[in-house]
Amino acid sequence: MGFDEYVTRNSTELLFRVQQHFLLVAYAVGLAALIAVALGVVLHTTGLTPSSWRSRFRAGSREGALLLSSVALTIPSLALFGVLQPLLGLGATPAIVALTIYGIYPVLRNVVAGLGSVDTAVLEAARGMGMGPARRMVRIQFPLAWPVVLSGIRVAMLILIGIAVVAAIVSGPGLGQLLFAGLARLGAVNSFNQVLAGTFGCLLVAAVYEIAFAVIARLTTPRGIRG
């Protein structure tokens, strides 16, 4: 059976797997972004942190968070899924938790870089206008850092599309089920078509996300700082 015929006969299942993969990555990236943005804002030296925290302690905490999240990113995916399986069982839960862990570092790194790149003169001018630290963050600092933050979310998304395939070892949803099934019976009828369909499915998910991020960047980036 040719690849085009295989896709035609199995279009319903293939679309279902693509949808699963898309949503799995969306949930994980969303959770990772929430955690990373909250952590990055709290640990950034803007006055939002308690006054009892000295600058060195805040900076050290920020670097420590980056170090821990980067170490988590280096854990082999098979090992992490294997560790989570006895704790969380099978299915979507261990898949989302593992992918969220992998997604934190790229976002957190860009949150820290984006907030740190804002010109201090701009912040001082805002302070002179009577803006408190929270208002400066919401109205000035985070909007100026947003393109860098969004770039980190995009990088995390691209990383997780590939790692999400491995979630199939804990019965996670997505295209990994199709790829693993094809690889397990490589040489049998339609096994190569399964692998090829899973691969193209991942590329399709990535393409949809790329378009979505381009639209989001256009709509949410302040006009004055658009590239």
N, C-alpha and C. Protein backbone atom coordinates (compact mmCIF):
# COMPACT_ATOMS: atom_id res chain seq x y z
N MET A 1 0.85 -1.19 0.00
CA MET A 1 0.00 0.00 0.00
C MET A 1 0.89 1.25 0.00
N GLY A 2 0.59 2.19 -0.90
CA GLY A 2 1.34 3.42 -0.96
C GLY A 2 1.02 4.34 0.21
N PHE A 3 1.90 5.31 0.44
CA PHE A 3 1.71 6.21 1.57
C PHE A 3 0.44 7.04 1.42
N ASP A 4 0.16 7.52 0.20
CA ASP A 4 -1.04 8.32 0.00
C ASP A 4 -2.30 7.51 0.27
N GLU A 5 -2.30 6.25 -0.13
CA GLU A 5 -3.46 5.40 0.13
C GLU A 5 -3.60 5.12 1.63
N TYR A 6 -2.47 4.92 2.31
CA TYR A 6 -2.51 4.68 3.75
C TYR A 6 -3.10 5.89 4.48
N VAL A 7 -2.67 7.09 4.08
CA VAL A 7 -3.19 8.30 4.71
C VAL A 7 -4.69 8.45 4.47
N THR A 8 -5.12 8.16 3.25
CA THR A 8 -6.53 8.27 2.92
C THR A 8 -7.38 7.31 3.75
N ARG A 9 -6.93 6.07 3.88
CA ARG A 9 -7.69 5.06 4.62
C ARG A 9 -7.68 5.30 6.12
N ASN A 10 -6.64 5.93 6.62
CA ASN A 10 -6.51 6.12 8.07
C ASN A 10 -6.56 7.60 8.47
N SER A 11 -7.20 8.41 7.64
CA SER A 11 -7.21 9.85 7.89
C SER A 11 -7.83 10.22 9.22
N THR A 12 -8.89 9.52 9.62
CA THR A 12 -9.55 9.84 10.89
C THR A 12 -8.62 9.62 12.08
N GLU A 13 -7.95 8.47 12.11
CA GLU A 13 -7.02 8.19 13.20
C GLU A 13 -5.84 9.15 13.18
N LEU A 14 -5.33 9.45 11.99
CA LEU A 14 -4.17 10.34 11.90
C LEU A 14 -4.51 11.74 12.39
N LEU A 15 -5.67 12.25 12.01
CA LEU A 15 -6.08 13.57 12.48
C LEU A 15 -6.29 13.58 13.99
N PHE A 16 -6.81 12.48 14.51
CA PHE A 16 -7.00 12.36 15.96
C PHE A 16 -5.67 12.41 16.69
N ARG A 17 -4.66 11.70 16.17
CA ARG A 17 -3.34 11.68 16.79
C ARG A 17 -2.68 13.06 16.70
N VAL A 18 -2.85 13.74 15.57
CA VAL A 18 -2.30 15.08 15.42
C VAL A 18 -2.93 16.03 16.43
N GLN A 19 -4.25 15.93 16.59
CA GLN A 19 -4.94 16.77 17.56
C GLN A 19 -4.46 16.49 18.98
N GLN A 20 -4.29 15.22 19.32
CA GLN A 20 -3.78 14.85 20.63
C GLN A 20 -2.39 15.46 20.87
N HIS A 21 -1.54 15.32 19.88
CA HIS A 21 -0.16 15.83 20.00
C HIS A 21 -0.17 17.35 20.18
N PHE A 22 -1.00 18.01 19.40
CA PHE A 22 -1.11 19.46 19.48
C PHE A 22 -1.54 19.90 20.88
N LEU A 23 -2.57 19.26 21.41
CA LEU A 23 -3.09 19.65 22.72
C LEU A 23 -2.12 19.28 23.84
N LEU A 24 -1.45 18.13 23.72
CA LEU A 24 -0.48 17.72 24.73
C LEU A 24 0.63 18.77 24.86
N VAL A 25 1.15 19.21 23.73
CA VAL A 25 2.19 20.24 23.75
C VAL A 25 1.64 21.57 24.25
N ALA A 26 0.41 21.90 23.87
CA ALA A 26 -0.19 23.16 24.31
C ALA A 26 -0.33 23.21 25.82
N TYR A 27 -0.84 22.13 26.42
CA TYR A 27 -1.00 22.10 27.88
C TYR A 27 0.35 22.23 28.57
N ALA A 28 1.33 21.48 28.10
CA ALA A 28 2.65 21.48 28.75
C ALA A 28 3.34 22.84 28.61
N VAL A 29 3.30 23.42 27.41
CA VAL A 29 3.92 24.72 27.21
C VAL A 29 3.20 25.79 28.02
N GLY A 30 1.88 25.71 28.09
CA GLY A 30 1.12 26.68 28.88
C GLY A 30 1.50 26.63 30.36
N LEU A 31 1.59 25.43 30.91
CA LEU A 31 1.97 25.29 32.31
C LEU A 31 3.41 25.74 32.54
N ALA A 32 4.32 25.34 31.64
CA ALA A 32 5.71 25.74 31.78
C ALA A 32 5.86 27.25 31.71
N ALA A 33 5.11 27.89 30.81
CA ALA A 33 5.18 29.34 30.68
C ALA A 33 4.66 30.04 31.93
N LEU A 34 3.56 29.55 32.48
CA LEU A 34 3.02 30.15 33.72
C LEU A 34 4.03 30.06 34.86
N ILE A 35 4.63 28.89 35.03
CA ILE A 35 5.60 28.69 36.11
C ILE A 35 6.83 29.57 35.89
N ALA A 36 7.35 29.55 34.66
CA ALA A 36 8.59 30.27 34.37
C ALA A 36 8.40 31.79 34.47
N VAL A 37 7.28 32.29 33.95
CA VAL A 37 7.04 33.74 34.01
C VAL A 37 6.87 34.19 35.46
N ALA A 38 6.08 33.45 36.24
CA ALA A 38 5.89 33.81 37.64
C ALA A 38 7.20 33.78 38.40
N LEU A 39 8.00 32.72 38.17
CA LEU A 39 9.28 32.60 38.86
C LEU A 39 10.25 33.69 38.42
N GLY A 40 10.30 33.95 37.13
CA GLY A 40 11.21 34.97 36.63
C GLY A 40 10.88 36.36 37.14
N VAL A 41 9.59 36.69 37.20
CA VAL A 41 9.17 38.01 37.69
C VAL A 41 9.49 38.16 39.17
N VAL A 42 9.18 37.12 39.95
CA VAL A 42 9.41 37.19 41.40
C VAL A 42 10.89 37.31 41.72
N LEU A 43 11.73 36.57 40.98
CA LEU A 43 13.15 36.55 41.28
C LEU A 43 13.93 37.68 40.62
N HIS A 44 13.26 38.44 39.75
CA HIS A 44 13.97 39.52 39.09
C HIS A 44 14.15 40.68 40.06
N THR A 45 15.26 41.36 39.96
CA THR A 45 15.59 42.43 40.90
C THR A 45 14.91 43.73 40.47
N THR A 46 13.60 43.82 40.71
CA THR A 46 12.86 45.01 40.31
C THR A 46 12.19 45.70 41.48
N GLY A 47 12.34 45.16 42.67
CA GLY A 47 11.62 45.72 43.80
C GLY A 47 10.32 45.00 44.06
N LEU A 48 9.97 44.05 43.20
CA LEU A 48 8.76 43.27 43.45
C LEU A 48 8.98 42.27 44.57
N THR A 49 10.22 41.84 44.74
CA THR A 49 10.54 40.90 45.80
C THR A 49 10.57 41.64 47.14
N PRO A 50 10.43 40.92 48.25
CA PRO A 50 10.41 41.58 49.55
C PRO A 50 11.65 42.41 49.79
N SER A 51 11.48 43.54 50.50
CA SER A 51 12.59 44.45 50.73
C SER A 51 13.69 43.81 51.57
N SER A 52 13.35 42.78 52.33
CA SER A 52 14.35 42.10 53.16
C SER A 52 15.33 41.27 52.32
N TRP A 53 14.94 40.99 51.06
CA TRP A 53 15.84 40.23 50.18
C TRP A 53 16.90 41.19 49.64
N ARG A 54 18.13 40.87 49.84
CA ARG A 54 19.19 41.69 49.28
C ARG A 54 19.38 41.35 47.81
N SER A 55 19.97 42.29 47.10
CA SER A 55 20.14 42.11 45.65
C SER A 55 20.92 40.84 45.32
N ARG A 56 21.97 40.57 46.10
CA ARG A 56 22.77 39.37 45.82
C ARG A 56 21.97 38.10 46.02
N PHE A 57 21.11 38.12 47.06
CA PHE A 57 20.30 36.93 47.32
C PHE A 57 19.30 36.70 46.20
N ARG A 58 18.68 37.79 45.71
CA ARG A 58 17.73 37.67 44.62
C ARG A 58 18.43 37.17 43.36
N ALA A 59 19.59 37.76 43.07
CA ALA A 59 20.34 37.34 41.88
C ALA A 59 20.77 35.88 42.00
N GLY A 60 21.22 35.49 43.20
CA GLY A 60 21.62 34.10 43.42
C GLY A 60 20.46 33.15 43.27
N SER A 61 19.29 33.55 43.76
CA SER A 61 18.10 32.71 43.62
C SER A 61 17.72 32.56 42.16
N ARG A 62 17.86 33.64 41.40
CA ARG A 62 17.54 33.60 39.98
C ARG A 62 18.48 32.65 39.24
N GLU A 63 19.78 32.76 39.54
CA GLU A 63 20.75 31.87 38.89
C GLU A 63 20.54 30.43 39.32
N GLY A 64 20.16 30.24 40.58
CA GLY A 64 19.89 28.88 41.07
C GLY A 64 18.70 28.26 40.36
N ALA A 65 17.66 29.05 40.14
CA ALA A 65 16.48 28.54 39.43
C ALA A 65 16.83 28.18 37.99
N LEU A 66 17.66 29.01 37.36
CA LEU A 66 18.09 28.71 36.00
C LEU A 66 18.93 27.44 35.96
N LEU A 67 19.79 27.26 36.95
CA LEU A 67 20.63 26.08 36.99
C LEU A 67 19.80 24.81 37.16
N LEU A 68 18.86 24.85 38.10
CA LEU A 68 18.03 23.67 38.36
C LEU A 68 17.18 23.31 37.14
N SER A 69 16.60 24.33 36.51
CA SER A 69 15.76 24.05 35.35
C SER A 69 16.58 23.56 34.17
N SER A 70 17.82 24.05 34.04
CA SER A 70 18.68 23.58 32.95
C SER A 70 19.13 22.14 33.20
N VAL A 71 19.38 21.79 34.46
CA VAL A 71 19.73 20.41 34.79
C VAL A 71 18.56 19.48 34.46
N ALA A 72 17.34 19.93 34.78
CA ALA A 72 16.16 19.11 34.48
C ALA A 72 16.03 18.85 32.98
N LEU A 73 16.44 19.84 32.18
CA LEU A 73 16.35 19.69 30.73
C LEU A 73 17.31 18.64 30.19
N THR A 74 18.39 18.36 30.94
CA THR A 74 19.37 17.39 30.47
C THR A 74 19.01 15.95 30.86
N ILE A 75 17.98 15.75 31.67
CA ILE A 75 17.59 14.40 32.05
C ILE A 75 17.08 13.67 30.81
N PRO A 76 17.57 12.48 30.50
CA PRO A 76 17.06 11.73 29.35
C PRO A 76 15.55 11.51 29.47
N SER A 77 14.84 11.72 28.39
CA SER A 77 13.38 11.63 28.43
C SER A 77 12.89 10.26 28.85
N LEU A 78 13.57 9.21 28.38
CA LEU A 78 13.16 7.86 28.78
C LEU A 78 13.27 7.67 30.28
N ALA A 79 14.34 8.24 30.87
CA ALA A 79 14.53 8.11 32.32
C ALA A 79 13.46 8.87 33.08
N LEU A 80 13.15 10.08 32.64
CA LEU A 80 12.16 10.89 33.35
C LEU A 80 10.77 10.27 33.28
N PHE A 81 10.39 9.81 32.10
CA PHE A 81 9.09 9.13 31.98
C PHE A 81 9.06 7.86 32.83
N GLY A 82 10.18 7.15 32.87
CA GLY A 82 10.25 5.94 33.68
C GLY A 82 10.11 6.23 35.16
N VAL A 83 10.68 7.34 35.64
CA VAL A 83 10.58 7.71 37.05
C VAL A 83 9.16 8.16 37.40
N LEU A 84 8.53 8.88 36.49
CA LEU A 84 7.19 9.42 36.77
C LEU A 84 6.10 8.35 36.69
N GLN A 85 6.33 7.31 35.90
CA GLN A 85 5.28 6.31 35.70
C GLN A 85 4.79 5.66 37.01
N PRO A 86 5.68 5.21 37.92
CA PRO A 86 5.17 4.62 39.17
C PRO A 86 4.44 5.62 40.05
N LEU A 87 4.80 6.91 39.92
CA LEU A 87 4.18 7.93 40.75
C LEU A 87 2.85 8.42 40.20
N LEU A 88 2.76 8.54 38.88
CA LEU A 88 1.59 9.17 38.26
C LEU A 88 0.79 8.22 37.37
N GLY A 89 1.29 6.99 37.22
CA GLY A 89 0.56 6.03 36.40
C GLY A 89 0.83 6.22 34.92
N LEU A 90 -0.13 5.79 34.12
CA LEU A 90 -0.02 5.88 32.66
C LEU A 90 -0.97 6.93 32.11
N GLY A 91 -0.70 7.34 30.89
CA GLY A 91 -1.62 8.25 30.22
C GLY A 91 -1.11 9.68 30.12
N ALA A 92 -2.04 10.62 30.10
CA ALA A 92 -1.70 12.02 29.84
C ALA A 92 -0.99 12.69 31.01
N THR A 93 -1.30 12.28 32.24
CA THR A 93 -0.75 12.98 33.41
C THR A 93 0.77 12.95 33.46
N PRO A 94 1.42 11.76 33.43
CA PRO A 94 2.89 11.78 33.45
C PRO A 94 3.48 12.46 32.21
N ALA A 95 2.79 12.37 31.09
CA ALA A 95 3.28 13.02 29.87
C ALA A 95 3.30 14.54 30.04
N ILE A 96 2.22 15.12 30.56
CA ILE A 96 2.15 16.57 30.75
C ILE A 96 3.16 17.04 31.79
N VAL A 97 3.29 16.29 32.89
CA VAL A 97 4.23 16.68 33.94
C VAL A 97 5.65 16.68 33.41
N ALA A 98 6.04 15.62 32.71
CA ALA A 98 7.40 15.53 32.18
C ALA A 98 7.67 16.64 31.17
N LEU A 99 6.75 16.87 30.27
CA LEU A 99 6.95 17.91 29.25
C LEU A 99 7.00 19.29 29.88
N THR A 100 6.20 19.51 30.92
CA THR A 100 6.25 20.80 31.62
C THR A 100 7.62 21.04 32.23
N ILE A 101 8.19 20.00 32.83
CA ILE A 101 9.53 20.10 33.42
C ILE A 101 10.55 20.49 32.35
N TYR A 102 10.44 19.87 31.19
CA TYR A 102 11.38 20.17 30.10
C TYR A 102 11.16 21.57 29.54
N GLY A 103 9.95 22.09 29.63
CA GLY A 103 9.65 23.37 29.01
C GLY A 103 9.99 24.59 29.85
N ILE A 104 10.29 24.40 31.14
CA ILE A 104 10.49 25.55 32.02
C ILE A 104 11.76 26.33 31.67
N TYR A 105 12.87 25.64 31.46
CA TYR A 105 14.14 26.35 31.28
C TYR A 105 14.16 27.30 30.09
N PRO A 106 13.74 26.88 28.88
CA PRO A 106 13.80 27.83 27.76
C PRO A 106 13.00 29.10 28.01
N VAL A 107 11.85 28.96 28.67
CA VAL A 107 11.02 30.14 28.94
C VAL A 107 11.65 30.98 30.04
N LEU A 108 12.08 30.34 31.14
CA LEU A 108 12.66 31.08 32.25
C LEU A 108 13.91 31.84 31.83
N ARG A 109 14.75 31.21 31.03
CA ARG A 109 15.96 31.88 30.55
C ARG A 109 15.62 33.15 29.80
N ASN A 110 14.59 33.09 28.94
CA ASN A 110 14.22 34.27 28.16
C ASN A 110 13.49 35.31 28.98
N VAL A 111 12.74 34.86 30.00
CA VAL A 111 12.10 35.82 30.90
C VAL A 111 13.16 36.65 31.62
N VAL A 112 14.16 35.95 32.15
CA VAL A 112 15.25 36.64 32.85
C VAL A 112 16.00 37.57 31.89
N ALA A 113 16.32 37.07 30.69
CA ALA A 113 17.05 37.89 29.72
C ALA A 113 16.21 39.08 29.27
N GLY A 114 14.92 38.85 29.03
CA GLY A 114 14.06 39.93 28.56
C GLY A 114 13.88 41.02 29.60
N LEU A 115 13.61 40.64 30.83
CA LEU A 115 13.44 41.63 31.89
C LEU A 115 14.74 42.37 32.17
N GLY A 116 15.86 41.66 32.08
CA GLY A 116 17.15 42.30 32.33
C GLY A 116 17.59 43.23 31.23
N SER A 117 17.01 43.08 30.04
CA SER A 117 17.43 43.91 28.90
C SER A 117 16.73 45.26 28.85
N VAL A 118 15.72 45.46 29.69
CA VAL A 118 15.00 46.73 29.68
C VAL A 118 15.91 47.82 30.24
N ASP A 119 15.99 48.92 29.54
CA ASP A 119 16.86 50.03 29.93
C ASP A 119 16.47 50.56 31.30
N THR A 120 17.45 50.63 32.20
CA THR A 120 17.17 51.13 33.55
C THR A 120 16.71 52.58 33.54
N ALA A 121 17.13 53.34 32.53
CA ALA A 121 16.71 54.74 32.45
C ALA A 121 15.20 54.84 32.25
N VAL A 122 14.66 53.91 31.49
CA VAL A 122 13.21 53.89 31.28
C VAL A 122 12.49 53.60 32.60
N LEU A 123 13.02 52.65 33.36
CA LEU A 123 12.41 52.31 34.64
C LEU A 123 12.53 53.45 35.64
N GLU A 124 13.66 54.12 35.63
CA GLU A 124 13.84 55.26 36.53
C GLU A 124 12.88 56.39 36.17
N ALA A 125 12.67 56.58 34.87
CA ALA A 125 11.72 57.61 34.44
C ALA A 125 10.32 57.27 34.91
N ALA A 126 9.96 55.98 34.82
CA ALA A 126 8.64 55.55 35.29
C ALA A 126 8.51 55.73 36.79
N ARG A 127 9.60 55.43 37.51
CA ARG A 127 9.57 55.64 38.96
C ARG A 127 9.39 57.11 39.29
N GLY A 128 10.07 57.98 38.52
CA GLY A 128 9.93 59.42 38.73
C GLY A 128 8.52 59.91 38.48
N MET A 129 7.76 59.18 37.66
CA MET A 129 6.37 59.54 37.39
C MET A 129 5.42 59.00 38.45
N GLY A 130 5.99 58.33 39.45
CA GLY A 130 5.17 57.84 40.55
C GLY A 130 4.70 56.41 40.42
N MET A 131 5.23 55.67 39.46
CA MET A 131 4.82 54.26 39.28
C MET A 131 5.53 53.38 40.31
N GLY A 132 4.76 52.53 40.97
CA GLY A 132 5.32 51.56 41.88
C GLY A 132 5.91 50.38 41.13
N PRO A 133 6.58 49.45 41.83
CA PRO A 133 7.23 48.32 41.15
C PRO A 133 6.28 47.43 40.38
N ALA A 134 5.10 47.16 40.94
CA ALA A 134 4.15 46.29 40.24
C ALA A 134 3.63 46.95 38.97
N ARG A 135 3.35 48.25 39.06
CA ARG A 135 2.84 48.96 37.90
C ARG A 135 3.92 49.08 36.83
N ARG A 136 5.16 49.30 37.25
CA ARG A 136 6.26 49.36 36.27
C ARG A 136 6.41 48.03 35.54
N MET A 137 6.27 46.95 36.29
CA MET A 137 6.39 45.63 35.67
C MET A 137 5.29 45.40 34.65
N VAL A 138 4.05 45.70 35.03
CA VAL A 138 2.90 45.42 34.17
C VAL A 138 2.82 46.36 32.97
N ARG A 139 3.10 47.65 33.21
CA ARG A 139 2.89 48.64 32.16
C ARG A 139 4.11 48.86 31.28
N ILE A 140 5.31 48.61 31.80
CA ILE A 140 6.51 48.96 31.04
C ILE A 140 7.45 47.77 30.83
N GLN A 141 7.92 47.19 31.95
CA GLN A 141 9.01 46.22 31.84
C GLN A 141 8.60 44.95 31.12
N PHE A 142 7.48 44.35 31.52
CA PHE A 142 7.09 43.09 30.88
C PHE A 142 6.67 43.29 29.42
N PRO A 143 5.93 44.35 29.07
CA PRO A 143 5.63 44.56 27.64
C PRO A 143 6.89 44.72 26.79
N LEU A 144 7.91 45.42 27.31
CA LEU A 144 9.15 45.57 26.56
C LEU A 144 9.91 44.25 26.44
N ALA A 145 9.78 43.41 27.46
CA ALA A 145 10.47 42.11 27.45
C ALA A 145 9.68 41.04 26.71
N TRP A 146 8.42 41.32 26.38
CA TRP A 146 7.52 40.30 25.84
C TRP A 146 8.05 39.62 24.57
N PRO A 147 8.63 40.33 23.58
CA PRO A 147 9.13 39.61 22.40
C PRO A 147 10.18 38.56 22.74
N VAL A 148 11.05 38.85 23.71
CA VAL A 148 12.05 37.87 24.13
C VAL A 148 11.38 36.71 24.86
N VAL A 149 10.41 37.01 25.71
CA VAL A 149 9.68 35.96 26.43
C VAL A 149 8.95 35.06 25.45
N LEU A 150 8.29 35.66 24.48
CA LEU A 150 7.55 34.89 23.48
C LEU A 150 8.49 33.99 22.67
N SER A 151 9.68 34.48 22.40
CA SER A 151 10.67 33.66 21.70
C SER A 151 11.05 32.43 22.54
N GLY A 152 11.16 32.61 23.85
CA GLY A 152 11.45 31.47 24.72
C GLY A 152 10.32 30.46 24.73
N ILE A 153 9.09 30.93 24.72
CA ILE A 153 7.93 30.02 24.67
C ILE A 153 7.92 29.24 23.36
N ARG A 154 8.28 29.93 22.28
CA ARG A 154 8.34 29.27 20.96
C ARG A 154 9.41 28.19 20.95
N VAL A 155 10.58 28.47 21.52
CA VAL A 155 11.65 27.47 21.57
C VAL A 155 11.20 26.27 22.40
N ALA A 156 10.54 26.52 23.52
CA ALA A 156 10.05 25.43 24.35
C ALA A 156 9.05 24.57 23.58
N MET A 157 8.20 25.21 22.81
CA MET A 157 7.22 24.49 22.01
C MET A 157 7.89 23.56 21.00
N LEU A 158 8.92 24.07 20.32
CA LEU A 158 9.62 23.25 19.33
C LEU A 158 10.31 22.06 19.99
N ILE A 159 10.90 22.28 21.17
CA ILE A 159 11.56 21.19 21.89
C ILE A 159 10.54 20.12 22.29
N LEU A 160 9.41 20.57 22.80
CA LEU A 160 8.42 19.63 23.34
C LEU A 160 7.70 18.83 22.26
N ILE A 161 7.60 19.36 21.06
CA ILE A 161 6.96 18.60 19.98
C ILE A 161 7.71 17.29 19.75
N GLY A 162 9.04 17.36 19.79
CA GLY A 162 9.84 16.15 19.61
C GLY A 162 9.81 15.24 20.82
N ILE A 163 9.96 15.81 22.03
CA ILE A 163 9.98 14.99 23.25
C ILE A 163 8.63 14.34 23.49
N ALA A 164 7.55 14.99 23.07
CA ALA A 164 6.21 14.44 23.29
C ALA A 164 6.03 13.08 22.64
N VAL A 165 6.82 12.80 21.61
CA VAL A 165 6.74 11.49 20.96
C VAL A 165 7.09 10.38 21.95
N VAL A 166 8.07 10.64 22.82
CA VAL A 166 8.54 9.63 23.78
C VAL A 166 7.48 9.33 24.83
N ALA A 167 6.50 10.20 24.99
CA ALA A 167 5.43 9.97 25.97
C ALA A 167 4.66 8.70 25.68
N ALA A 168 4.81 8.16 24.50
CA ALA A 168 4.11 6.92 24.15
C ALA A 168 4.54 5.76 25.05
N ILE A 169 5.74 5.83 25.64
CA ILE A 169 6.19 4.72 26.49
C ILE A 169 5.40 4.64 27.79
N VAL A 170 4.71 5.74 28.15
CA VAL A 170 3.82 5.69 29.32
C VAL A 170 2.37 5.82 28.87
N SER A 171 2.11 5.37 27.66
CA SER A 171 0.77 5.41 27.06
C SER A 171 0.24 6.84 26.95
N GLY A 172 1.16 7.79 26.77
CA GLY A 172 0.73 9.17 26.58
C GLY A 172 0.09 9.37 25.22
N PRO A 173 -0.76 10.38 25.11
CA PRO A 173 -1.44 10.64 23.83
C PRO A 173 -0.50 11.25 22.81
N GLY A 174 -0.91 11.21 21.56
CA GLY A 174 -0.15 11.89 20.53
C GLY A 174 0.40 10.97 19.46
N LEU A 175 1.27 11.53 18.65
CA LEU A 175 1.81 10.82 17.50
C LEU A 175 2.85 9.78 17.87
N GLY A 176 3.33 9.81 19.12
CA GLY A 176 4.28 8.80 19.55
C GLY A 176 3.72 7.40 19.48
N GLN A 177 2.42 7.27 19.73
CA GLN A 177 1.77 5.96 19.64
C GLN A 177 1.94 5.38 18.24
N LEU A 178 1.77 6.23 17.25
CA LEU A 178 1.87 5.80 15.86
C LEU A 178 3.32 5.47 15.50
N LEU A 179 4.24 6.32 15.91
CA LEU A 179 5.66 6.10 15.60
C LEU A 179 6.21 4.85 16.27
N PHE A 180 5.89 4.66 17.54
CA PHE A 180 6.38 3.49 18.26
C PHE A 180 5.79 2.20 17.70
N ALA A 181 4.51 2.26 17.31
CA ALA A 181 3.88 1.08 16.73
C ALA A 181 4.55 0.70 15.42
N GLY A 182 4.87 1.70 14.61
CA GLY A 182 5.53 1.42 13.34
C GLY A 182 6.95 0.91 13.52
N LEU A 183 7.69 1.51 14.46
CA LEU A 183 9.06 1.07 14.70
C LEU A 183 9.12 -0.33 15.30
N ALA A 184 8.11 -0.68 16.11
CA ALA A 184 8.10 -2.00 16.76
C ALA A 184 7.89 -3.12 15.74
N ARG A 185 7.26 -2.80 14.64
CA ARG A 185 6.98 -3.83 13.63
C ARG A 185 7.59 -3.45 12.28
N LEU A 186 8.75 -2.78 12.33
CA LEU A 186 9.40 -2.31 11.12
C LEU A 186 9.69 -3.49 10.18
N GLY A 187 9.30 -3.34 8.95
CA GLY A 187 9.43 -4.41 7.96
C GLY A 187 8.12 -5.08 7.64
N ALA A 188 7.14 -4.93 8.56
CA ALA A 188 5.82 -5.49 8.32
C ALA A 188 5.01 -4.55 7.44
N VAL A 189 3.83 -5.00 7.05
CA VAL A 189 2.97 -4.21 6.17
C VAL A 189 2.59 -2.89 6.85
N ASN A 190 2.78 -1.80 6.15
CA ASN A 190 2.41 -0.45 6.58
C ASN A 190 3.21 0.09 7.76
N SER A 191 4.23 -0.64 8.22
CA SER A 191 5.01 -0.14 9.35
C SER A 191 5.75 1.15 8.97
N PHE A 192 6.34 1.17 7.78
CA PHE A 192 7.04 2.37 7.35
C PHE A 192 6.07 3.52 7.13
N ASN A 193 4.88 3.21 6.63
CA ASN A 193 3.86 4.25 6.46
C ASN A 193 3.47 4.86 7.80
N GLN A 194 3.40 4.04 8.86
CA GLN A 194 3.09 4.56 10.19
C GLN A 194 4.16 5.53 10.67
N VAL A 195 5.42 5.13 10.49
CA VAL A 195 6.53 5.99 10.91
C VAL A 195 6.53 7.29 10.11
N LEU A 196 6.31 7.18 8.82
CA LEU A 196 6.31 8.36 7.96
C LEU A 196 5.14 9.28 8.31
N ALA A 197 3.97 8.70 8.57
CA ALA A 197 2.81 9.50 8.93
C ALA A 197 3.02 10.22 10.26
N GLY A 198 3.63 9.51 11.22
CA GLY A 198 3.92 10.14 12.51
C GLY A 198 4.90 11.28 12.38
N THR A 199 5.91 11.10 11.53
CA THR A 199 6.91 12.14 11.31
C THR A 199 6.30 13.37 10.66
N PHE A 200 5.53 13.16 9.61
CA PHE A 200 4.87 14.28 8.93
C PHE A 200 3.84 14.94 9.85
N GLY A 201 3.23 14.14 10.72
CA GLY A 201 2.28 14.70 11.68
C GLY A 201 2.96 15.69 12.62
N CYS A 202 4.16 15.34 13.11
CA CYS A 202 4.93 16.25 13.96
C CYS A 202 5.29 17.54 13.22
N LEU A 203 5.65 17.40 11.95
CA LEU A 203 5.98 18.57 11.15
C LEU A 203 4.74 19.46 10.96
N LEU A 204 3.58 18.82 10.81
CA LEU A 204 2.34 19.59 10.66
C LEU A 204 2.01 20.36 11.93
N VAL A 205 2.18 19.69 13.09
CA VAL A 205 1.94 20.36 14.37
C VAL A 205 2.88 21.55 14.52
N ALA A 206 4.15 21.36 14.19
CA ALA A 206 5.13 22.44 14.29
C ALA A 206 4.76 23.61 13.37
N ALA A 207 4.30 23.29 12.15
CA ALA A 207 3.93 24.34 11.20
C ALA A 207 2.75 25.16 11.70
N VAL A 208 1.76 24.48 12.28
CA VAL A 208 0.59 25.18 12.82
C VAL A 208 1.00 26.10 13.97
N TYR A 209 1.86 25.61 14.83
CA TYR A 209 2.33 26.43 15.95
C TYR A 209 3.15 27.62 15.46
N GLU A 210 3.97 27.42 14.45
CA GLU A 210 4.78 28.52 13.92
C GLU A 210 3.87 29.64 13.39
N ILE A 211 2.83 29.25 12.68
CA ILE A 211 1.88 30.25 12.17
C ILE A 211 1.19 30.96 13.33
N ALA A 212 0.78 30.19 14.33
CA ALA A 212 0.10 30.76 15.49
C ALA A 212 1.01 31.74 16.23
N PHE A 213 2.28 31.39 16.39
CA PHE A 213 3.20 32.28 17.10
C PHE A 213 3.47 33.55 16.30
N ALA A 214 3.52 33.43 14.98
CA ALA A 214 3.71 34.63 14.15
C ALA A 214 2.54 35.59 14.31
N VAL A 215 1.32 35.04 14.35
CA VAL A 215 0.13 35.88 14.53
C VAL A 215 0.11 36.49 15.93
N ILE A 216 0.41 35.68 16.94
CA ILE A 216 0.41 36.17 18.33
C ILE A 216 1.45 37.28 18.49
N ALA A 217 2.64 37.07 17.93
CA ALA A 217 3.68 38.09 18.04
C ALA A 217 3.24 39.40 17.38
N ARG A 218 2.57 39.28 16.24
CA ARG A 218 2.11 40.47 15.54
C ARG A 218 1.05 41.22 16.34
N LEU A 219 0.17 40.48 16.99
CA LEU A 219 -0.96 41.09 17.69
C LEU A 219 -0.60 41.60 19.08
N THR A 220 0.41 40.99 19.72
CA THR A 220 0.69 41.32 21.11
C THR A 220 1.96 42.14 21.33
N THR A 221 2.82 42.26 20.33
CA THR A 221 4.04 43.04 20.50
C THR A 221 3.72 44.53 20.32
N PRO A 222 4.13 45.37 21.27
CA PRO A 222 3.89 46.80 21.12
C PRO A 222 4.43 47.32 19.78
N ARG A 223 3.67 48.19 19.14
CA ARG A 223 4.02 48.65 17.80
C ARG A 223 5.40 49.29 17.75
N GLY A 224 5.78 49.99 18.80
CA GLY A 224 7.04 50.73 18.79
C GLY A 224 8.28 49.86 18.82
N ILE A 225 8.14 48.57 19.19
CA ILE A 225 9.32 47.70 19.28
C ILE A 225 9.25 46.53 18.32
N ARG A 226 8.32 46.57 17.39
CA ARG A 226 8.26 45.51 16.39
C ARG A 226 9.49 45.57 15.49
N GLY A 227 10.01 44.35 15.15
CA GLY A 227 11.17 44.30 14.26
C GLY A 227 10.81 44.64 12.83
